[in-house]
Protein backbone atom coordinates (compact mmCIF):
# COMPACT_ATOMS: atom_id res chain seq x y z
CA MET A 1 -189.08 50.62 75.77
CA LEU A 2 -187.88 49.29 79.04
CA PHE A 3 -185.31 51.74 79.38
CA ALA A 4 -188.05 54.88 78.91
CA LYS A 5 -190.01 53.16 81.46
CA LYS A 6 -186.84 53.25 83.95
CA ILE A 7 -186.68 56.93 82.89
CA MET A 8 -190.10 57.73 83.74
CA LEU A 9 -190.14 56.09 87.09
CA CYS A 10 -187.17 57.99 87.89
CA LEU A 11 -188.88 61.22 87.24
CA ILE A 12 -191.84 60.14 88.88
CA ILE A 13 -189.57 59.46 92.21
CA ILE A 14 -187.43 62.35 91.77
CA SER A 15 -190.09 65.19 91.16
CA PRO A 16 -191.58 65.28 94.66
CA ILE A 17 -188.29 65.61 95.87
CA ILE A 18 -187.39 68.81 93.54
CA PHE A 19 -190.67 69.96 94.33
CA ALA A 20 -190.20 69.59 98.20
CA GLN A 21 -186.64 71.10 98.26
CA ALA A 22 -187.99 73.81 96.19
CA ARG A 23 -190.96 74.41 98.93
CA THR A 24 -188.54 74.41 101.57
CA ASN A 25 -186.61 77.34 99.89
CA MET A 26 -189.79 79.39 99.65
CA ILE A 27 -190.01 82.39 101.89
CA LYS A 28 -193.35 82.43 104.21
CA VAL A 29 -195.05 85.65 104.92
CA VAL A 30 -198.07 86.09 107.50
CA GLY A 31 -199.57 89.13 108.94
CA ASP A 32 -202.77 90.48 110.40
CA SER A 33 -204.40 90.89 106.86
CA LEU A 34 -203.38 89.89 103.37
CA ILE A 35 -204.69 91.15 99.78
CA GLY A 36 -204.06 88.99 96.97
CA LYS A 37 -203.26 90.32 93.79
CA VAL A 38 -202.35 89.46 89.66
CA ILE A 39 -199.50 92.54 88.32
CA ASP A 40 -198.74 91.85 84.89
CA GLY A 41 -199.47 87.92 85.19
CA GLU A 42 -197.46 87.94 88.47
CA THR A 43 -199.26 86.75 92.02
CA VAL A 44 -198.62 89.24 94.38
CA ARG A 45 -199.56 89.27 98.01
CA GLU A 46 -199.79 92.43 99.95
CA ILE A 47 -199.42 91.71 104.03
CA TYR A 48 -200.11 94.33 106.57
CA SER A 49 -199.46 94.57 110.29
CA ASN A 50 -197.43 92.50 112.46
CA VAL A 51 -195.82 91.05 109.30
CA VAL A 52 -193.37 88.27 109.72
CA LEU A 53 -191.39 86.80 107.03
CA THR A 54 -189.29 83.60 107.59
CA GLN A 55 -187.00 81.18 105.46
CA GLY A 56 -185.23 78.59 107.42
CA ASN A 57 -183.43 80.68 110.32
CA VAL A 58 -183.86 83.97 108.94
CA VAL A 59 -186.89 85.90 110.62
CA ILE A 60 -187.89 89.35 109.43
CA THR A 61 -190.41 91.38 110.84
CA CYS A 62 -192.08 94.86 109.50
CA ASP A 63 -195.03 96.62 109.04
CA LYS A 64 -196.08 95.59 105.37
CA ALA A 65 -194.46 93.09 103.36
CA VAL A 66 -195.43 92.97 99.33
CA GLN A 67 -194.34 89.30 98.32
CA PHE A 68 -193.91 88.18 94.68
CA LEU A 69 -194.48 84.43 94.79
CA ALA A 70 -192.77 83.72 91.39
CA ARG A 71 -189.67 85.40 91.92
CA ASN A 72 -189.80 84.56 95.73
CA ASN A 73 -188.94 87.99 96.60
CA ALA A 74 -190.56 90.43 99.07
CA ILE A 75 -190.40 94.37 99.55
CA LEU A 76 -190.32 95.38 103.07
CA LYS A 77 -191.56 98.48 104.59
CA GLY A 78 -191.39 100.20 108.29
CA ASN A 79 -189.74 99.34 110.92
CA VAL A 80 -187.69 96.16 109.20
CA ILE A 81 -185.88 93.92 111.61
CA ALA A 82 -184.01 90.80 110.10
CA LYS A 83 -182.35 88.10 112.47
CA GLN A 84 -180.38 85.36 112.21
CA ASP A 85 -179.04 83.54 115.40
CA SER A 86 -176.93 86.42 116.91
CA LEU A 87 -177.29 89.04 114.00
CA THR A 88 -179.90 91.58 113.90
CA ILE A 89 -180.27 94.03 110.94
CA ILE A 90 -182.27 97.19 111.07
CA THR A 91 -183.51 99.43 108.77
CA ASP A 92 -186.95 101.14 107.31
CA GLU A 93 -187.51 99.81 103.87
CA GLY A 94 -185.64 96.87 102.47
CA PHE A 95 -185.85 93.75 100.41
CA TYR A 96 -185.40 90.30 100.75
CA PHE A 97 -184.44 88.10 97.91
CA GLY A 98 -185.48 84.40 98.52
CA ASN A 99 -183.37 82.33 96.12
CA GLU A 100 -180.30 83.87 97.17
CA ARG A 101 -181.38 84.44 100.80
CA ARG A 102 -180.31 87.99 100.72
CA THR A 103 -181.59 90.99 101.96
CA LYS A 104 -180.74 94.78 100.92
CA SER A 105 -181.60 98.47 101.72
CA THR A 106 -181.04 101.98 100.09
CA VAL A 107 -182.53 104.05 102.83
CA GLY A 108 -180.21 103.79 105.47
CA ILE A 109 -178.94 100.31 107.49
CA MET A 110 -177.61 99.06 110.61
CA LEU A 111 -176.32 95.44 111.43
CA ASN A 112 -175.52 94.29 114.90
CA ASP A 113 -174.04 90.73 115.66
CA ARG A 114 -172.90 91.47 119.27
CA LYS A 115 -169.55 92.08 118.13
CA VAL A 116 -169.72 94.89 115.78
CA ILE A 117 -172.03 97.42 114.86
CA LEU A 118 -171.95 98.54 111.31
CA GLN A 119 -173.96 101.41 109.67
CA ALA A 120 -174.37 102.79 106.32
CA ASP A 121 -176.63 104.78 103.90
CA SER A 122 -177.15 101.27 101.79
CA GLY A 123 -176.16 97.68 102.14
CA GLU A 124 -176.94 94.13 101.90
CA TYR A 125 -176.27 90.95 103.60
CA PHE A 126 -176.00 87.32 102.47
CA PHE A 127 -177.24 84.94 105.25
CA ASP A 128 -175.78 81.99 103.51
CA GLU A 129 -172.27 83.75 102.90
CA ASP A 130 -172.25 85.47 106.77
CA ARG A 131 -171.15 88.44 104.71
CA ALA A 132 -172.18 92.30 104.72
CA PHE A 133 -171.86 94.72 101.96
CA PHE A 134 -172.18 98.35 102.73
CA GLN A 135 -171.65 101.68 101.13
CA THR A 136 -172.16 105.06 101.23
CA ASN A 137 -171.03 106.83 104.78
CA VAL A 138 -169.94 103.49 106.32
CA TYR A 139 -169.41 103.11 109.94
CA LEU A 140 -168.14 100.19 111.85
CA PHE A 141 -167.66 100.18 115.68
CA ASP A 142 -166.42 97.78 118.24
CA SER A 143 -165.19 98.22 121.88
CA VAL A 144 -161.65 99.02 120.96
CA MET A 145 -162.04 100.72 117.47
CA THR A 146 -163.79 102.94 115.13
CA LEU A 147 -163.88 102.38 111.24
CA PHE A 148 -165.39 104.62 108.62
CA ALA A 149 -165.44 104.09 104.58
CA ASP A 150 -167.19 104.76 101.48
CA GLU A 151 -167.74 100.86 100.98
CA LEU A 152 -167.00 98.04 103.11
CA THR A 153 -167.14 94.25 103.18
CA TYR A 154 -167.65 92.51 106.28
CA PHE A 155 -167.12 88.66 106.90
CA GLN A 156 -168.98 88.03 110.04
CA ASN A 157 -167.49 84.32 110.72
CA GLU A 158 -163.99 85.54 110.23
CA ASP A 159 -164.35 88.80 111.85
CA ARG A 160 -162.61 90.54 108.94
CA ALA A 161 -163.64 94.00 107.20
CA VAL A 162 -162.30 95.17 103.93
CA ALA A 163 -162.92 98.70 103.54
CA ILE A 164 -162.36 100.94 100.20
CA GLY A 165 -162.31 104.67 99.92
CA ASN A 166 -161.46 107.83 102.57
CA VAL A 167 -160.54 104.63 105.03
CA LYS A 168 -160.33 106.13 108.62
CA ILE A 169 -159.67 103.93 111.59
CA VAL A 170 -159.03 104.86 114.94
CA ASP A 171 -158.18 103.59 118.00
CA ALA A 172 -156.96 104.73 121.62
CA SER A 173 -153.49 105.39 120.31
CA ASN A 174 -153.54 105.77 116.52
CA GLU A 175 -155.58 106.95 113.51
CA ILE A 176 -155.05 105.01 110.10
CA MET A 177 -156.20 106.97 107.07
CA ALA A 178 -155.66 105.09 103.52
CA ASP A 179 -157.54 104.10 100.53
CA LYS A 180 -158.14 100.61 101.20
CA LEU A 181 -157.81 98.61 104.38
CA GLU A 182 -158.21 95.12 105.35
CA HIS A 183 -158.99 94.69 109.62
CA PHE A 184 -159.17 91.52 111.46
CA ARG A 185 -161.11 92.36 114.70
CA ASN A 186 -159.91 89.49 116.82
CA THR A 187 -156.16 90.12 116.41
CA LYS A 188 -156.83 94.00 115.55
CA ILE A 189 -154.29 93.53 112.49
CA SER A 190 -154.63 95.98 109.85
CA PHE A 191 -153.36 96.14 106.20
CA ALA A 192 -153.50 99.47 104.31
CA ASP A 193 -153.05 100.25 100.93
CA LYS A 194 -152.53 103.59 98.75
CA ASN A 195 -152.35 107.13 100.30
CA VAL A 196 -151.74 105.50 103.80
CA ARG A 197 -151.32 107.87 107.00
CA ILE A 198 -151.13 106.64 110.46
CA ARG A 199 -151.16 109.31 112.98
CA SER A 200 -150.33 109.00 116.67
CA LEU A 201 -152.70 110.75 118.99
CA GLU A 202 -150.42 110.64 122.07
CA ASN A 203 -147.55 112.73 119.98
CA ASN A 204 -147.57 114.96 116.84
CA THR A 205 -146.03 112.25 114.76
CA THR A 206 -147.52 111.00 111.57
CA ILE A 207 -145.93 108.47 109.20
CA PHE A 208 -147.05 108.23 105.28
CA GLY A 209 -146.39 105.37 102.80
CA ASP A 210 -148.24 103.31 100.40
CA HIS A 211 -148.43 100.15 102.38
CA LEU A 212 -148.78 99.66 106.00
CA GLU A 213 -149.06 96.75 108.25
CA ASP A 214 -150.26 97.57 111.86
CA TYR A 215 -149.93 94.91 114.66
CA PRO A 216 -151.49 96.41 117.92
CA GLU A 217 -150.92 93.55 120.14
CA ARG A 218 -147.44 93.67 119.36
CA LYS A 219 -147.47 97.15 119.36
CA TYR A 220 -145.54 97.10 115.88
CA THR A 221 -145.87 98.97 112.97
CA LEU A 222 -144.20 98.42 109.23
CA ILE A 223 -144.35 101.02 106.22
CA ASN A 224 -142.15 99.71 103.61
CA LYS A 225 -143.48 101.68 100.61
CA ASN A 226 -142.38 105.22 100.23
CA PRO A 227 -142.49 105.69 103.98
CA ILE A 228 -141.85 109.16 105.42
CA LEU A 229 -142.29 110.38 109.19
CA ILE A 230 -143.13 113.74 110.13
CA GLN A 231 -143.13 115.19 113.47
CA VAL A 232 -144.17 118.74 114.30
CA ASP A 233 -142.90 120.05 117.81
CA THR A 234 -144.37 123.15 118.91
CA SER A 235 -142.49 125.19 121.84
CA TYR A 236 -143.32 128.36 124.01
CA VAL A 237 -140.63 131.07 123.26
CA SER A 238 -142.40 134.40 124.87
CA GLU A 239 -146.11 135.57 125.11
CA ASN A 240 -148.02 134.75 121.96
CA GLU A 241 -145.01 133.43 120.38
CA PHE A 242 -144.33 129.50 119.41
CA LYS A 243 -141.36 128.22 117.74
CA ILE A 244 -142.42 125.30 115.49
CA ASP A 245 -139.56 122.86 114.60
CA THR A 246 -140.40 119.87 112.17
CA LEU A 247 -138.65 116.14 112.38
CA ILE A 248 -138.70 114.48 108.76
CA ILE A 249 -137.45 111.30 108.16
CA LYS A 250 -137.75 109.54 104.79
CA ALA A 251 -136.51 105.90 103.72
CA GLY A 252 -137.30 102.89 101.69
CA ARG A 253 -138.57 101.10 105.01
CA MET A 254 -139.57 102.23 108.49
CA GLU A 255 -140.68 100.18 111.14
CA ALA A 256 -142.07 101.40 114.70
CA PHE A 257 -141.80 99.67 117.85
CA ARG A 258 -144.25 100.58 120.79
CA ASP A 259 -143.32 98.03 123.48
CA THR A 260 -141.23 99.15 125.75
CA SER A 261 -140.28 102.61 124.21
CA ASN A 262 -141.07 104.34 121.06
CA ILE A 263 -138.50 103.59 118.54
CA PHE A 264 -138.73 104.07 114.86
CA LYS A 265 -136.41 102.44 112.75
CA ALA A 266 -135.64 103.54 109.11
CA VAL A 267 -133.55 101.95 106.45
CA ASP A 268 -132.58 101.90 102.78
CA SER A 269 -131.78 105.52 101.29
CA VAL A 270 -133.12 107.32 104.72
CA LYS A 271 -133.07 111.12 104.32
CA ILE A 272 -133.55 113.24 107.55
CA ILE A 273 -134.24 117.09 108.57
CA LYS A 274 -134.72 118.87 111.96
CA GLY A 275 -134.02 122.21 111.81
CA GLY A 276 -130.81 123.46 110.39
CA PHE A 277 -129.79 119.76 110.46
CA ALA A 278 -129.84 117.27 107.82
CA SER A 279 -128.71 113.62 107.06
CA VAL A 280 -128.29 111.04 104.63
CA ASN A 281 -127.51 107.49 105.61
CA ASP A 282 -128.65 103.85 105.32
CA PHE A 283 -129.63 103.31 108.95
CA THR A 284 -131.68 105.50 111.38
CA LEU A 285 -132.65 104.94 114.78
CA TYR A 286 -135.14 107.49 116.22
CA LEU A 287 -135.80 106.62 120.02
CA ARG A 288 -138.63 109.00 120.76
CA ASP A 289 -138.77 108.63 124.37
CA SER A 290 -135.02 109.65 124.91
CA GLU A 291 -135.23 112.10 121.89
CA THR A 292 -132.23 110.88 120.06
CA ILE A 293 -131.52 109.95 116.71
CA ILE A 294 -128.78 107.28 115.83
CA THR A 295 -127.39 106.78 112.34
CA GLN A 296 -124.75 104.35 111.30
CA LYS A 297 -123.51 102.31 108.39
CA LEU A 298 -124.82 98.95 107.94
CA SER A 299 -121.38 97.21 106.83
CA GLU A 300 -117.80 97.76 106.54
CA ASP A 301 -117.88 98.40 103.09
CA ALA A 302 -121.04 100.48 103.50
CA GLY A 303 -121.05 104.34 102.88
CA GLN A 304 -120.94 106.64 105.89
CA PRO A 305 -123.92 108.74 107.14
CA ILE A 306 -123.50 112.13 106.29
CA LEU A 307 -124.86 114.83 108.46
CA TRP A 308 -125.03 118.66 107.65
CA TYR A 309 -125.28 121.34 110.48
CA GLU A 310 -125.54 125.24 108.45
CA ASN A 311 -122.35 125.37 106.32
CA SER A 312 -120.69 122.07 108.24
CA GLN A 313 -120.84 118.89 106.98
CA LEU A 314 -119.94 115.56 109.09
CA THR A 315 -119.24 111.91 108.48
CA GLY A 316 -118.48 108.88 110.59
CA ASP A 317 -119.19 105.74 110.93
CA SER A 318 -122.20 106.43 113.00
CA ILE A 319 -123.65 109.82 114.36
CA THR A 320 -125.83 110.19 117.26
CA ILE A 321 -128.05 113.24 117.86
CA TYR A 322 -129.36 113.80 121.45
CA ILE A 323 -132.17 116.05 121.73
CA GLU A 324 -133.39 118.09 124.87
CA ASP A 325 -136.43 120.59 124.78
CA LYS A 326 -137.10 119.96 121.55
CA ASN A 327 -133.53 121.59 120.53
CA ILE A 328 -130.19 119.79 119.73
CA LYS A 329 -127.89 119.34 123.11
CA GLN A 330 -125.42 117.26 121.63
CA LEU A 331 -123.82 115.33 118.76
CA ASP A 332 -121.39 112.53 118.72
CA VAL A 333 -119.72 111.45 115.75
CA ILE A 334 -117.96 107.55 116.30
CA GLY A 335 -115.32 105.79 114.12
CA LYS A 336 -113.25 107.78 111.37
CA ALA A 337 -114.80 110.86 111.96
CA PHE A 338 -114.49 114.08 109.41
CA MET A 339 -115.68 117.42 109.75
CA LEU A 340 -115.69 120.63 107.17
CA SER A 341 -117.10 123.83 107.27
CA GLN A 342 -117.40 126.11 103.75
CA ASN A 343 -116.65 129.75 104.24
CA ASP A 344 -119.74 131.77 103.21
CA ARG A 345 -117.69 134.65 101.11
CA TYR A 346 -114.65 131.95 99.91
CA LYS A 347 -116.49 129.14 98.50
CA ASP A 348 -113.38 127.04 97.70
CA ARG A 349 -112.08 127.17 101.24
CA PHE A 350 -112.90 124.42 103.79
CA ASP A 351 -111.84 124.02 107.18
CA GLN A 352 -111.14 120.50 107.64
CA THR A 353 -110.69 118.05 110.76
CA SER A 354 -110.26 114.35 110.88
CA SER A 355 -109.97 112.04 114.02
CA LYS A 356 -111.48 108.82 115.68
CA ASN A 357 -114.33 110.78 117.27
CA ILE A 358 -116.09 114.02 117.38
CA LYS A 359 -118.34 115.30 120.01
CA LEU A 360 -120.33 118.64 119.23
CA PHE A 361 -121.86 120.60 122.35
CA PHE A 362 -125.11 122.99 121.64
CA ALA A 363 -126.99 125.59 123.38
CA ASP A 364 -129.90 126.97 121.66
CA ASN A 365 -129.01 125.19 118.75
CA ASN A 366 -126.10 127.37 118.51
CA LEU A 367 -122.54 125.37 118.35
CA LEU A 368 -120.37 126.11 121.89
CA LYS A 369 -117.85 123.46 121.54
CA ALA A 370 -116.11 120.63 119.54
CA GLU A 371 -113.75 118.06 120.83
CA PHE A 372 -111.99 115.82 118.47
CA GLU A 373 -110.48 112.58 119.83
CA GLU A 374 -107.39 110.77 118.61
CA ASN A 375 -105.20 111.08 115.55
CA VAL A 376 -106.36 114.70 115.01
CA LEU A 377 -105.59 116.07 111.63
CA SER A 378 -106.91 119.82 110.74
CA ILE A 379 -106.81 122.61 108.51
CA TYR A 380 -108.03 125.98 109.20
CA TYR A 381 -108.34 129.16 107.13
CA LEU A 382 -107.30 132.49 108.71
CA TYR A 383 -108.83 135.75 107.96
CA GLU A 384 -107.97 139.19 108.77
CA GLU A 385 -110.97 141.76 108.77
CA GLU A 386 -112.83 139.03 106.65
CA GLU A 387 -109.83 138.94 103.74
CA ALA A 388 -107.96 135.85 103.33
CA ASN A 389 -104.86 135.39 105.12
CA GLY A 390 -103.31 132.03 104.86
CA LEU A 391 -104.05 128.72 106.53
CA THR A 392 -102.58 126.75 109.48
CA LYS A 393 -102.14 122.80 109.14
CA SER A 394 -101.92 121.35 112.39
CA SER A 395 -101.82 117.68 114.24
CA ALA A 396 -102.26 116.45 117.80
CA LYS A 397 -103.82 113.61 119.84
CA ASN A 398 -106.96 115.60 121.27
CA VAL A 399 -108.18 119.17 119.90
CA THR A 400 -110.89 121.08 121.42
CA ILE A 401 -112.26 124.21 119.48
CA ILE A 402 -114.78 126.95 121.39
CA PHE A 403 -117.06 128.55 119.48
CA GLU A 404 -118.97 131.74 120.18
CA ASP A 405 -121.82 132.98 117.67
CA ASN A 406 -120.96 129.79 115.63
CA GLU A 407 -117.54 131.43 114.88
CA VAL A 408 -114.41 130.11 116.09
CA THR A 409 -112.51 131.81 119.27
CA GLU A 410 -110.14 129.38 120.55
CA VAL A 411 -108.20 126.35 119.56
CA ARG A 412 -106.76 124.02 122.07
CA LEU A 413 -104.41 121.19 121.07
CA TYR A 414 -103.13 118.39 123.59
CA GLY A 415 -100.33 115.51 123.11
CA SER A 416 -97.54 116.11 120.93
CA PRO A 417 -99.10 119.41 119.07
CA LEU A 418 -97.77 120.29 115.65
CA SER A 419 -98.86 123.40 113.74
CA GLU A 420 -97.57 125.03 110.65
CA TYR A 421 -98.47 128.30 108.78
CA HIS A 422 -99.04 128.74 105.10
CA PRO A 423 -98.74 132.24 103.90
CA GLU A 424 -101.68 133.62 101.75
CA LYS A 425 -99.81 133.46 98.71
CA GLN A 426 -99.02 129.62 98.84
CA VAL A 427 -102.89 129.26 99.37
CA VAL A 428 -104.88 131.27 96.65
CA GLY A 429 -105.53 129.39 93.81
CA ASN A 430 -104.25 126.12 95.24
CA GLU A 431 -107.27 125.55 98.10
CA ARG A 432 -108.26 122.27 96.46
CA ALA A 433 -104.89 120.54 96.96
CA LEU A 434 -104.92 121.79 100.48
CA THR A 435 -107.11 119.03 101.66
CA LEU A 436 -107.10 116.11 104.42
CA PRO A 437 -106.87 112.60 102.80
CA LYS A 438 -110.49 111.75 103.83
CA PHE A 439 -111.87 115.10 102.31
CA ILE A 440 -115.14 114.69 100.18
CA PHE A 441 -117.52 117.73 99.64
CA TYR A 442 -121.05 116.02 99.23
CA GLN A 443 -123.83 118.02 97.53
CA ASN A 444 -126.72 116.14 98.14
CA ARG A 445 -128.07 117.69 101.26
CA PRO A 446 -131.63 116.86 101.27
CA ASN A 447 -134.14 119.79 101.68
CA LYS A 448 -137.57 119.93 103.21
CA SER A 449 -139.42 120.66 99.78
CA ASP A 450 -138.09 117.17 97.94
CA LEU A 451 -139.06 115.34 100.83
CA LEU A 452 -142.44 116.62 101.18
CA LYS A 453 -143.26 117.15 97.66
CA ASN A 454 -145.12 113.72 97.35
CA ILE A 455 -147.34 114.28 100.60
CA GLN A 456 -151.00 114.84 100.33
């Protein structure tokens, strides 16, 4: 009995507290006129003109409100403006759910917190969580970027936005597109996933991938899932005629550095195509400002980079391509260099040269001169009126070869040159035995269609 009395006393004491708390959570609505109704057993109030709804620090004004007392909800119509501290939400019609401290609109909504402006066809805001969820034709704008998406969640206190579906974010220098993107307004950092595309607005360079991390203040971008870089160069040739040349780089991982110069770094199974050139390697640096492409092996035991030019193949510890006016100007092969060229008619016959270094010089993408430096060994096949006519094997300290229309016109040997001729009868059918020690004919030359087959 005493125990029951104590429970009753506790209930008497606690009940007013619970009631008071419930009352403070109730929304309050006032206006110029009020009509009370009972609809399906529920008490409803219609408030007209200069309507003000308040709940704690949330204040909403509108032309008309329909308040459902038991549900603690209200329908808001006409010039709806909701405010909480520095936050303002504007719509033509909406709802307010008092128990959840949430507002919603499906007829177009705008949010302004003095940091960003957020608009969409529909959206809702959770006042206790400082969180907005907007859908359909979403647009977010601040002083440095604009973001578009199908839907977006904005965490006001964190200055963070998570966008999904047809996402595009644009700032002064870049445009990023993706299926999903997370953006931090204060640091301007963005993480993007699936069908990612970042396009430089300063040059015709676009990088595709499935995961991107962009750090604008560091001027650094990482793409580490299926990255591929495409740069389209258009140059004037003559009146009404333009030449289009495309650089394509595909790799396992790609980084862009834009601090002092535009540098792209690609590692892991790198494949490159530019005009008549192609390359396979493990490491590539593309210096955008100086128009230089550097490929090199990553370690002493790693495979050498391979470069193809028309019917020629080059290998070395590092290969550097110098571009001028969008054309190849010079190509340097440094360390254990080897060059071979396959004859178009006699497929088993390869001109071969090995040396420490090779330098190739071009004009209008045509080979003019080749310089072979130190310990040069060479095998060159001879032809008479396009008919096979044996070969010459040579050695020298240095060799220079002059080309005209990409055909050899002169060979100069320097430093203890030696040369021997092998007649055709000793050569025919024995071509694969007549090779230099470093001879390897690689057949994994990349092509444009394979590199671009997954690009949308």
